[in-house]
Amino acid sequence: MKIVVRVLVVVTVLVALFTVSAFAQDGATLFKTKCVSCHGADGTGSAVGKKLGAHDFTSAEVQKMSDAELSSIITDGKNKMPKYATLKPEEVKALVAHIRSLKK
């Protein structure tokens, strides 16, 4: 009986972990759905984004920002950029990592 309970606990924990990670999107996917329209696929800015003043993610200015600064801007928005407060912390972290990968 104790073995069955232990197996059920382990299976429950594994299912919970898989469910949480399945709902969190990776940085590249999030970038495509949330950021590309203004920042462009390569992070340098789309035509619309440039007119709105979107920052070039490949620039030294953006790349020198701390992870906390980028996370705050993603979560709270800034200037014309909308806030994405509904993103999970791990999704924000994944977006920051993706932005870092765009450096020149």
PDB file of N, CA and C in Angstrom:
ATOM      1  N   MET A   1       0.823  -1.202   0.000  1.00  0.00           N
ATOM      2  CA  MET A   1       0.000   0.000   0.000  1.00  0.00           C
ATOM      3  C   MET A   1       0.864   1.262   0.000  1.00  0.00           C
ATOM      4  N   LYS A   2       1.959   1.276   0.801  1.00  0.00           N
ATOM      5  CA  LYS A   2       2.837   2.438   0.865  1.00  0.00           C
ATOM      6  C   LYS A   2       3.496   2.700  -0.478  1.00  0.00           C
ATOM      7  N   ILE A   3       3.828   1.657  -1.209  1.00  0.00           N
ATOM      8  CA  ILE A   3       4.465   1.812  -2.521  1.00  0.00           C
ATOM      9  C   ILE A   3       3.490   2.469  -3.495  1.00  0.00           C
ATOM     10  N   VAL A   4       2.245   2.080  -3.463  1.00  0.00           N
ATOM     11  CA  VAL A   4       1.224   2.653  -4.345  1.00  0.00           C
ATOM     12  C   VAL A   4       1.063   4.144  -4.056  1.00  0.00           C
ATOM     13  N   VAL A   5       1.044   4.511  -2.799  1.00  0.00           N
ATOM     14  CA  VAL A   5       0.905   5.912  -2.413  1.00  0.00           C
ATOM     15  C   VAL A   5       2.118   6.705  -2.894  1.00  0.00           C
ATOM     16  N   ARG A   6       3.307   6.159  -2.727  1.00  0.00           N
ATOM     17  CA  ARG A   6       4.514   6.835  -3.183  1.00  0.00           C
ATOM     18  C   ARG A   6       4.506   7.022  -4.705  1.00  0.00           C
ATOM     19  N   VAL A   7       4.108   6.011  -5.415  1.00  0.00           N
ATOM     20  CA  VAL A   7       4.034   6.100  -6.877  1.00  0.00           C
ATOM     21  C   VAL A   7       3.026   7.171  -7.281  1.00  0.00           C
ATOM     22  N   LEU A   8       1.883   7.205  -6.624  1.00  0.00           N
ATOM     23  CA  LEU A   8       0.869   8.213  -6.928  1.00  0.00           C
ATOM     24  C   LEU A   8       1.392   9.625  -6.649  1.00  0.00           C
ATOM     25  N   VAL A   9       2.134   9.798  -5.571  1.00  0.00           N
ATOM     26  CA  VAL A   9       2.700  11.102  -5.245  1.00  0.00           C
ATOM     27  C   VAL A   9       3.704  11.515  -6.318  1.00  0.00           C
ATOM     28  N   VAL A  10       4.578  10.614  -6.697  1.00  0.00           N
ATOM     29  CA  VAL A  10       5.581  10.921  -7.725  1.00  0.00           C
ATOM     30  C   VAL A  10       4.905  11.252  -9.048  1.00  0.00           C
ATOM     31  N   VAL A  11       3.936  10.483  -9.443  1.00  0.00           N
ATOM     32  CA  VAL A  11       3.221  10.736 -10.698  1.00  0.00           C
ATOM     33  C   VAL A  11       2.504  12.075 -10.639  1.00  0.00           C
ATOM     34  N   THR A  12       1.891  12.395  -9.538  1.00  0.00           N
ATOM     35  CA  THR A  12       1.190  13.669  -9.385  1.00  0.00           C
ATOM     36  C   THR A  12       2.155  14.840  -9.506  1.00  0.00           C
ATOM     37  N   VAL A  13       3.309  14.728  -8.863  1.00  0.00           N
ATOM     38  CA  VAL A  13       4.314  15.795  -8.943  1.00  0.00           C
ATOM     39  C   VAL A  13       4.803  15.948 -10.377  1.00  0.00           C
ATOM     40  N   LEU A  14       5.085  14.862 -11.050  1.00  0.00           N
ATOM     41  CA  LEU A  14       5.557  14.928 -12.438  1.00  0.00           C
ATOM     42  C   LEU A  14       4.510  15.546 -13.361  1.00  0.00           C
ATOM     43  N   VAL A  15       3.266  15.177 -13.177  1.00  0.00           N
ATOM     44  CA  VAL A  15       2.196  15.757 -13.994  1.00  0.00           C
ATOM     45  C   VAL A  15       2.084  17.252 -13.738  1.00  0.00           C
ATOM     46  N   ALA A  16       2.179  17.660 -12.485  1.00  0.00           N
ATOM     47  CA  ALA A  16       2.103  19.087 -12.150  1.00  0.00           C
ATOM     48  C   ALA A  16       3.257  19.848 -12.780  1.00  0.00           C
ATOM     49  N   LEU A  17       4.465  19.318 -12.695  1.00  0.00           N
ATOM     50  CA  LEU A  17       5.623  19.980 -13.302  1.00  0.00           C
ATOM     51  C   LEU A  17       5.483  20.075 -14.809  1.00  0.00           C
ATOM     52  N   PHE A  18       5.026  19.010 -15.441  1.00  0.00           N
ATOM     53  CA  PHE A  18       4.847  19.018 -16.890  1.00  0.00           C
ATOM     54  C   PHE A  18       3.779  20.026 -17.298  1.00  0.00           C
ATOM     55  N   THR A  19       2.707  20.091 -16.533  1.00  0.00           N
ATOM     56  CA  THR A  19       1.619  21.017 -16.848  1.00  0.00           C
ATOM     57  C   THR A  19       2.097  22.457 -16.767  1.00  0.00           C
ATOM     58  N   VAL A  20       2.850  22.808 -15.738  1.00  0.00           N
ATOM     59  CA  VAL A  20       3.360  24.174 -15.591  1.00  0.00           C
ATOM     60  C   VAL A  20       4.291  24.511 -16.746  1.00  0.00           C
ATOM     61  N   SER A  21       5.218  23.617 -17.076  1.00  0.00           N
ATOM     62  CA  SER A  21       6.160  23.909 -18.149  1.00  0.00           C
ATOM     63  C   SER A  21       5.491  23.892 -19.513  1.00  0.00           C
ATOM     64  N   ALA A  22       4.441  23.123 -19.676  1.00  0.00           N
ATOM     65  CA  ALA A  22       3.754  23.080 -20.966  1.00  0.00           C
ATOM     66  C   ALA A  22       3.047  24.393 -21.273  1.00  0.00           C
ATOM     67  N   PHE A  23       2.614  25.099 -20.234  1.00  0.00           N
ATOM     68  CA  PHE A  23       1.914  26.358 -20.450  1.00  0.00           C
ATOM     69  C   PHE A  23       2.856  27.543 -20.591  1.00  0.00           C
ATOM     70  N   ALA A  24       4.073  27.399 -20.141  1.00  0.00           N
ATOM     71  CA  ALA A  24       5.059  28.468 -20.287  1.00  0.00           C
ATOM     72  C   ALA A  24       5.678  28.361 -21.681  1.00  0.00           C
ATOM     73  N   GLN A  25       5.648  29.451 -22.417  1.00  0.00           N
ATOM     74  CA  GLN A  25       6.206  29.444 -23.756  1.00  0.00           C
ATOM     75  C   GLN A  25       7.683  29.802 -23.708  1.00  0.00           C
ATOM     76  N   ASP A  26       8.418  29.324 -24.710  1.00  0.00           N
ATOM     77  CA  ASP A  26       9.823  29.688 -24.765  1.00  0.00           C
ATOM     78  C   ASP A  26       9.959  31.116 -25.290  1.00  0.00           C
ATOM     79  N   GLY A  27      11.145  31.694 -25.090  1.00  0.00           N
ATOM     80  CA  GLY A  27      11.389  33.092 -25.440  1.00  0.00           C
ATOM     81  C   GLY A  27      11.188  33.408 -26.908  1.00  0.00           C
ATOM     82  N   ALA A  28      11.663  32.531 -27.795  1.00  0.00           N
ATOM     83  CA  ALA A  28      11.536  32.785 -29.238  1.00  0.00           C
ATOM     84  C   ALA A  28      10.071  32.793 -29.669  1.00  0.00           C
ATOM     85  N   THR A  29       9.295  31.881 -29.134  1.00  0.00           N
ATOM     86  CA  THR A  29       7.866  31.823 -29.473  1.00  0.00           C
ATOM     87  C   THR A  29       7.136  33.051 -28.944  1.00  0.00           C
ATOM     88  N   LEU A  30       7.424  33.413 -27.707  1.00  0.00           N
ATOM     89  CA  LEU A  30       6.810  34.614 -27.131  1.00  0.00           C
ATOM     90  C   LEU A  30       7.188  35.854 -27.924  1.00  0.00           C
ATOM     91  N   PHE A  31       8.448  35.937 -28.312  1.00  0.00           N
ATOM     92  CA  PHE A  31       8.919  37.079 -29.083  1.00  0.00           C
ATOM     93  C   PHE A  31       8.126  37.197 -30.386  1.00  0.00           C
ATOM     94  N   LYS A  32       7.904  36.061 -31.043  1.00  0.00           N
ATOM     95  CA  LYS A  32       7.148  36.070 -32.304  1.00  0.00           C
ATOM     96  C   LYS A  32       5.716  36.541 -32.100  1.00  0.00           C
ATOM     97  N   THR A  33       5.114  36.162 -30.978  1.00  0.00           N
ATOM     98  CA  THR A  33       3.712  36.516 -30.765  1.00  0.00           C
ATOM     99  C   THR A  33       3.516  37.891 -30.136  1.00  0.00           C
ATOM    100  N   LYS A  34       4.474  38.338 -29.328  1.00  0.00           N
ATOM    101  CA  LYS A  34       4.291  39.587 -28.585  1.00  0.00           C
ATOM    102  C   LYS A  34       5.113  40.765 -29.104  1.00  0.00           C
ATOM    103  N   CYS A  35       6.264  40.516 -29.716  1.00  0.00           N
ATOM    104  CA  CYS A  35       7.235  41.590 -29.952  1.00  0.00           C
ATOM    105  C   CYS A  35       7.535  41.895 -31.420  1.00  0.00           C
ATOM    106  N   VAL A  36       7.420  40.899 -32.288  1.00  0.00           N
ATOM    107  CA  VAL A  36       7.854  41.050 -33.679  1.00  0.00           C
ATOM    108  C   VAL A  36       7.152  42.188 -34.405  1.00  0.00           C
ATOM    109  N   SER A  37       5.899  42.421 -34.124  1.00  0.00           N
ATOM    110  CA  SER A  37       5.168  43.452 -34.869  1.00  0.00           C
ATOM    111  C   SER A  37       5.809  44.831 -34.735  1.00  0.00           C
ATOM    112  N   CYS A  38       6.442  45.102 -33.605  1.00  0.00           N
ATOM    113  CA  CYS A  38       7.112  46.394 -33.422  1.00  0.00           C
ATOM    114  C   CYS A  38       8.643  46.289 -33.495  1.00  0.00           C
ATOM    115  N   HIS A  39       9.191  45.208 -32.953  1.00  0.00           N
ATOM    116  CA  HIS A  39      10.641  45.107 -32.852  1.00  0.00           C
ATOM    117  C   HIS A  39      11.276  44.327 -34.004  1.00  0.00           C
ATOM    118  N   GLY A  40      10.457  43.735 -34.874  1.00  0.00           N
ATOM    119  CA  GLY A  40      10.981  42.997 -36.013  1.00  0.00           C
ATOM    120  C   GLY A  40      11.541  41.642 -35.603  1.00  0.00           C
ATOM    121  N   ALA A  41      11.601  40.733 -36.563  1.00  0.00           N
ATOM    122  CA  ALA A  41      12.067  39.379 -36.281  1.00  0.00           C
ATOM    123  C   ALA A  41      13.510  39.345 -35.798  1.00  0.00           C
ATOM    124  N   ASP A  42      14.322  40.285 -36.269  1.00  0.00           N
ATOM    125  CA  ASP A  42      15.732  40.311 -35.872  1.00  0.00           C
ATOM    126  C   ASP A  42      16.006  41.264 -34.711  1.00  0.00           C
ATOM    127  N   GLY A  43      14.959  41.909 -34.200  1.00  0.00           N
ATOM    128  CA  GLY A  43      15.099  42.801 -33.060  1.00  0.00           C
ATOM    129  C   GLY A  43      15.492  44.227 -33.389  1.00  0.00           C
ATOM    130  N   THR A  44      15.716  44.527 -34.683  1.00  0.00           N
ATOM    131  CA  THR A  44      16.153  45.880 -35.049  1.00  0.00           C
ATOM    132  C   THR A  44      14.994  46.850 -35.233  1.00  0.00           C
ATOM    133  N   GLY A  45      13.788  46.346 -35.273  1.00  0.00           N
ATOM    134  CA  GLY A  45      12.604  47.198 -35.397  1.00  0.00           C
ATOM    135  C   GLY A  45      11.911  47.029 -36.729  1.00  0.00           C
ATOM    136  N   SER A  46      10.609  46.887 -36.680  1.00  0.00           N
ATOM    137  CA  SER A  46       9.807  46.840 -37.901  1.00  0.00           C
ATOM    138  C   SER A  46       9.559  48.274 -38.359  1.00  0.00           C
ATOM    139  N   ALA A  47       9.001  48.425 -39.551  1.00  0.00           N
ATOM    140  CA  ALA A  47       8.684  49.767 -40.058  1.00  0.00           C
ATOM    141  C   ALA A  47       7.737  50.485 -39.099  1.00  0.00           C
ATOM    142  N   VAL A  48       6.720  49.783 -38.654  1.00  0.00           N
ATOM    143  CA  VAL A  48       5.751  50.363 -37.716  1.00  0.00           C
ATOM    144  C   VAL A  48       6.437  50.679 -36.392  1.00  0.00           C
ATOM    145  N   GLY A  49       7.233  49.744 -35.907  1.00  0.00           N
ATOM    146  CA  GLY A  49       7.921  49.935 -34.638  1.00  0.00           C
ATOM    147  C   GLY A  49       8.859  51.127 -34.652  1.00  0.00           C
ATOM    148  N   LYS A  50       9.560  51.302 -35.758  1.00  0.00           N
ATOM    149  CA  LYS A  50      10.477  52.440 -35.863  1.00  0.00           C
ATOM    150  C   LYS A  50       9.725  53.760 -35.802  1.00  0.00           C
ATOM    151  N   LYS A  51       8.535  53.805 -36.426  1.00  0.00           N
ATOM    152  CA  LYS A  51       7.714  55.019 -36.361  1.00  0.00           C
ATOM    153  C   LYS A  51       7.231  55.289 -34.944  1.00  0.00           C
ATOM    154  N   LEU A  52       7.025  54.218 -34.181  1.00  0.00           N
ATOM    155  CA  LEU A  52       6.555  54.355 -32.798  1.00  0.00           C
ATOM    156  C   LEU A  52       7.693  54.579 -31.807  1.00  0.00           C
ATOM    157  N   GLY A  53       8.923  54.452 -32.284  1.00  0.00           N
ATOM    158  CA  GLY A  53      10.069  54.653 -31.407  1.00  0.00           C
ATOM    159  C   GLY A  53      10.527  53.398 -30.684  1.00  0.00           C
ATOM    160  N   ALA A  54      10.188  52.227 -31.223  1.00  0.00           N
ATOM    161  CA  ALA A  54      10.609  50.969 -30.600  1.00  0.00           C
ATOM    162  C   ALA A  54      12.130  50.881 -30.606  1.00  0.00           C
ATOM    163  N   HIS A  55      12.680  50.412 -29.519  1.00  0.00           N
ATOM    164  CA  HIS A  55      14.135  50.284 -29.398  1.00  0.00           C
ATOM    165  C   HIS A  55      14.660  49.121 -30.226  1.00  0.00           C
ATOM    166  N   ASP A  56      15.862  49.281 -30.718  1.00  0.00           N
ATOM    167  CA  ASP A  56      16.591  48.238 -31.426  1.00  0.00           C
ATOM    168  C   ASP A  56      17.216  47.333 -30.369  1.00  0.00           C
ATOM    169  N   PHE A  57      16.748  46.095 -30.286  1.00  0.00           N
ATOM    170  CA  PHE A  57      17.242  45.176 -29.261  1.00  0.00           C
ATOM    171  C   PHE A  57      18.691  44.764 -29.488  1.00  0.00           C
ATOM    172  N   THR A  58      19.215  44.965 -30.688  1.00  0.00           N
ATOM    173  CA  THR A  58      20.608  44.609 -30.949  1.00  0.00           C
ATOM    174  C   THR A  58      21.575  45.710 -30.516  1.00  0.00           C
ATOM    175  N   SER A  59      21.036  46.863 -30.165  1.00  0.00           N
ATOM    176  CA  SER A  59      21.878  48.015 -29.829  1.00  0.00           C
ATOM    177  C   SER A  59      22.554  47.847 -28.470  1.00  0.00           C
ATOM    178  N   ALA A  60      23.684  48.523 -28.328  1.00  0.00           N
ATOM    179  CA  ALA A  60      24.407  48.518 -27.049  1.00  0.00           C
ATOM    180  C   ALA A  60      23.543  49.105 -25.941  1.00  0.00           C
ATOM    181  N   GLU A  61      22.721  50.108 -26.288  1.00  0.00           N
ATOM    182  CA  GLU A  61      21.848  50.747 -25.298  1.00  0.00           C
ATOM    183  C   GLU A  61      20.930  49.730 -24.620  1.00  0.00           C
ATOM    184  N   VAL A  62      20.308  48.872 -25.414  1.00  0.00           N
ATOM    185  CA  VAL A  62      19.400  47.863 -24.856  1.00  0.00           C
ATOM    186  C   VAL A  62      20.199  46.738 -24.210  1.00  0.00           C
ATOM    187  N   GLN A  63      21.246  46.284 -24.869  1.00  0.00           N
ATOM    188  CA  GLN A  63      22.017  45.160 -24.353  1.00  0.00           C
ATOM    189  C   GLN A  63      22.707  45.464 -23.021  1.00  0.00           C
ATOM    190  N   LYS A  64      22.989  46.742 -22.747  1.00  0.00           N
ATOM    191  CA  LYS A  64      23.636  47.079 -21.473  1.00  0.00           C
ATOM    192  C   LYS A  64      22.630  47.192 -20.326  1.00  0.00           C
ATOM    193  N   MET A  65      21.333  47.175 -20.632  1.00  0.00           N
ATOM    194  CA  MET A  65      20.314  47.213 -19.581  1.00  0.00           C
ATOM    195  C   MET A  65      20.396  45.923 -18.761  1.00  0.00           C
ATOM    196  N   SER A  66      20.087  46.046 -17.500  1.00  0.00           N
ATOM    197  CA  SER A  66      20.093  44.858 -16.643  1.00  0.00           C
ATOM    198  C   SER A  66      18.877  43.985 -16.958  1.00  0.00           C
ATOM    199  N   ASP A  67      18.959  42.732 -16.553  1.00  0.00           N
ATOM    200  CA  ASP A  67      17.818  41.833 -16.721  1.00  0.00           C
ATOM    201  C   ASP A  67      16.604  42.378 -15.980  1.00  0.00           C
ATOM    202  N   ALA A  68      16.836  42.960 -14.817  1.00  0.00           N
ATOM    203  CA  ALA A  68      15.737  43.528 -14.025  1.00  0.00           C
ATOM    204  C   ALA A  68      15.069  44.689 -14.768  1.00  0.00           C
ATOM    205  N   GLU A  69      15.868  45.537 -15.420  1.00  0.00           N
ATOM    206  CA  GLU A  69      15.294  46.653 -16.188  1.00  0.00           C
ATOM    207  C   GLU A  69      14.454  46.139 -17.351  1.00  0.00           C
ATOM    208  N   LEU A  70      15.003  45.172 -18.097  1.00  0.00           N
ATOM    209  CA  LEU A  70      14.249  44.615 -19.225  1.00  0.00           C
ATOM    210  C   LEU A  70      12.976  43.925 -18.742  1.00  0.00           C
ATOM    211  N   SER A  71      13.087  43.183 -17.659  1.00  0.00           N
ATOM    212  CA  SER A  71      11.910  42.496 -17.100  1.00  0.00           C
ATOM    213  C   SER A  71      10.841  43.495 -16.694  1.00  0.00           C
ATOM    214  N   SER A  72      11.252  44.581 -16.082  1.00  0.00           N
ATOM    215  CA  SER A  72      10.314  45.615 -15.655  1.00  0.00           C
ATOM    216  C   SER A  72       9.604  46.249 -16.854  1.00  0.00           C
ATOM    217  N   ILE A  73      10.349  46.523 -17.904  1.00  0.00           N
ATOM    218  CA  ILE A  73       9.746  47.128 -19.098  1.00  0.00           C
ATOM    219  C   ILE A  73       8.763  46.159 -19.746  1.00  0.00           C
ATOM    220  N   ILE A  74       9.129  44.882 -19.805  1.00  0.00           N
ATOM    221  CA  ILE A  74       8.222  43.885 -20.386  1.00  0.00           C
ATOM    222  C   ILE A  74       6.954  43.790 -19.553  1.00  0.00           C
ATOM    223  N   THR A  75       7.100  43.726 -18.251  1.00  0.00           N
ATOM    224  CA  THR A  75       5.954  43.542 -17.356  1.00  0.00           C
ATOM    225  C   THR A  75       5.084  44.790 -17.238  1.00  0.00           C
ATOM    226  N   ASP A  76       5.725  45.956 -17.110  1.00  0.00           N
ATOM    227  CA  ASP A  76       4.989  47.183 -16.823  1.00  0.00           C
ATOM    228  C   ASP A  76       4.759  48.084 -18.040  1.00  0.00           C
ATOM    229  N   GLY A  77       5.454  47.782 -19.154  1.00  0.00           N
ATOM    230  CA  GLY A  77       5.365  48.644 -20.331  1.00  0.00           C
ATOM    231  C   GLY A  77       6.196  49.904 -20.144  1.00  0.00           C
ATOM    232  N   LYS A  78       6.348  50.648 -21.226  1.00  0.00           N
ATOM    233  CA  LYS A  78       7.088  51.901 -21.160  1.00  0.00           C
ATOM    234  C   LYS A  78       6.769  52.702 -22.417  1.00  0.00           C
ATOM    235  N   ASN A  79       6.519  53.972 -22.240  1.00  0.00           N
ATOM    236  CA  ASN A  79       6.147  54.853 -23.355  1.00  0.00           C
ATOM    237  C   ASN A  79       4.996  54.227 -24.135  1.00  0.00           C
ATOM    238  N   LYS A  80       5.185  53.925 -25.403  1.00  0.00           N
ATOM    239  CA  LYS A  80       4.092  53.379 -26.214  1.00  0.00           C
ATOM    240  C   LYS A  80       3.996  51.854 -26.152  1.00  0.00           C
ATOM    241  N   MET A  81       4.957  51.239 -25.484  1.00  0.00           N
ATOM    242  CA  MET A  81       4.925  49.775 -25.364  1.00  0.00           C
ATOM    243  C   MET A  81       3.913  49.362 -24.304  1.00  0.00           C
ATOM    244  N   PRO A  82       3.020  48.427 -24.668  1.00  0.00           N
ATOM    245  CA  PRO A  82       2.026  47.977 -23.681  1.00  0.00           C
ATOM    246  C   PRO A  82       2.676  47.109 -22.612  1.00  0.00           C
ATOM    247  N   LYS A  83       2.002  46.992 -21.486  1.00  0.00           N
ATOM    248  CA  LYS A  83       2.505  46.117 -20.436  1.00  0.00           C
ATOM    249  C   LYS A  83       2.043  44.686 -20.701  1.00  0.00           C
ATOM    250  N   TYR A  84       2.873  43.753 -20.305  1.00  0.00           N
ATOM    251  CA  TYR A  84       2.565  42.330 -20.427  1.00  0.00           C
ATOM    252  C   TYR A  84       2.592  41.705 -19.037  1.00  0.00           C
ATOM    253  N   ALA A  85       1.792  42.250 -18.144  1.00  0.00           N
ATOM    254  CA  ALA A  85       1.753  41.818 -16.749  1.00  0.00           C
ATOM    255  C   ALA A  85       1.204  40.404 -16.584  1.00  0.00           C
ATOM    256  N   THR A  86       0.534  39.886 -17.599  1.00  0.00           N
ATOM    257  CA  THR A  86      -0.026  38.540 -17.491  1.00  0.00           C
ATOM    258  C   THR A  86       0.993  37.444 -17.784  1.00  0.00           C
ATOM    259  N   LEU A  87       2.171  37.823 -18.258  1.00  0.00           N
ATOM    260  CA  LEU A  87       3.208  36.814 -18.505  1.00  0.00           C
ATOM    261  C   LEU A  87       3.724  36.267 -17.185  1.00  0.00           C
ATOM    262  N   LYS A  88       4.012  34.981 -17.176  1.00  0.00           N
ATOM    263  CA  LYS A  88       4.590  34.342 -15.999  1.00  0.00           C
ATOM    264  C   LYS A  88       6.044  34.790 -15.861  1.00  0.00           C
ATOM    265  N   PRO A  89       6.573  34.793 -14.639  1.00  0.00           N
ATOM    266  CA  PRO A  89       7.970  35.198 -14.442  1.00  0.00           C
ATOM    267  C   PRO A  89       8.955  34.428 -15.320  1.00  0.00           C
ATOM    268  N   GLU A  90       8.716  33.135 -15.511  1.00  0.00           N
ATOM    269  CA  GLU A  90       9.621  32.346 -16.346  1.00  0.00           C
ATOM    270  C   GLU A  90       9.506  32.735 -17.824  1.00  0.00           C
ATOM    271  N   GLU A  91       8.346  33.225 -18.232  1.00  0.00           N
ATOM    272  CA  GLU A  91       8.184  33.696 -19.611  1.00  0.00           C
ATOM    273  C   GLU A  91       8.916  35.027 -19.818  1.00  0.00           C
ATOM    274  N   VAL A  92       8.831  35.897 -18.829  1.00  0.00           N
ATOM    275  CA  VAL A  92       9.560  37.170 -18.896  1.00  0.00           C
ATOM    276  C   VAL A  92      11.059  36.886 -18.951  1.00  0.00           C
ATOM    277  N   LYS A  93      11.510  35.966 -18.128  1.00  0.00           N
ATOM    278  CA  LYS A  93      12.925  35.584 -18.113  1.00  0.00           C
ATOM    279  C   LYS A  93      13.341  35.023 -19.475  1.00  0.00           C
ATOM    280  N   ALA A  94      12.475  34.215 -20.082  1.00  0.00           N
ATOM    281  CA  ALA A  94      12.768  33.645 -21.402  1.00  0.00           C
ATOM    282  C   ALA A  94      12.827  34.743 -22.469  1.00  0.00           C
ATOM    283  N   LEU A  95      11.950  35.737 -22.371  1.00  0.00           N
ATOM    284  CA  LEU A  95      11.996  36.860 -23.314  1.00  0.00           C
ATOM    285  C   LEU A  95      13.288  37.655 -23.153  1.00  0.00           C
ATOM    286  N   VAL A  96      13.685  37.897 -21.925  1.00  0.00           N
ATOM    287  CA  VAL A  96      14.943  38.621 -21.685  1.00  0.00           C
ATOM    288  C   VAL A  96      16.109  37.841 -22.284  1.00  0.00           C
ATOM    289  N   ALA A  97      16.123  36.540 -22.083  1.00  0.00           N
ATOM    290  CA  ALA A  97      17.192  35.704 -22.645  1.00  0.00           C
ATOM    291  C   ALA A  97      17.194  35.787 -24.176  1.00  0.00           C
ATOM    292  N   HIS A  98      15.998  35.807 -24.769  1.00  0.00           N
ATOM    293  CA  HIS A  98      15.917  35.916 -26.233  1.00  0.00           C
ATOM    294  C   HIS A  98      16.418  37.274 -26.700  1.00  0.00           C
ATOM    295  N   ILE A  99      16.055  38.323 -26.004  1.00  0.00           N
ATOM    296  CA  ILE A  99      16.546  39.670 -26.345  1.00  0.00           C
ATOM    297  C   ILE A  99      18.070  39.696 -26.280  1.00  0.00           C
ATOM    298  N   ARG A 100      18.622  39.063 -25.271  1.00  0.00           N
ATOM    299  CA  ARG A 100      20.085  38.986 -25.146  1.00  0.00           C
ATOM    300  C   ARG A 100      20.713  38.273 -26.349  1.00  0.00           C
ATOM    301  N   SER A 101      20.013  37.289 -26.886  1.00  0.00           N
ATOM    302  CA  SER A 101      20.555  36.515 -28.024  1.00  0.00           C
ATOM    303  C   SER A 101      20.577  37.317 -29.316  1.00  0.00           C
ATOM    304  N   LEU A 102      19.924  38.477 -29.332  1.00  0.00           N
ATOM    305  CA  LEU A 102      19.825  39.291 -30.542  1.00  0.00           C
ATOM    306  C   LEU A 102      20.965  40.295 -30.688  1.00  0.00           C
ATOM    307  N   LYS A 103      21.865  40.351 -29.715  1.00  0.00           N
ATOM    308  CA  LYS A 103      22.928  41.355 -29.758  1.00  0.00           C
ATOM    309  C   LYS A 103      23.794  41.180 -31.007  1.00  0.00           C
ATOM    310  N   LYS A 104      24.381  42.292 -31.431  1.00  0.00           N
ATOM    311  CA  LYS A 104      25.219  42.301 -32.639  1.00  0.00           C
ATOM    312  C   LYS A 104      26.497  41.540 -32.419  1.00  0.00           C
TER     313      LYS A 104
END
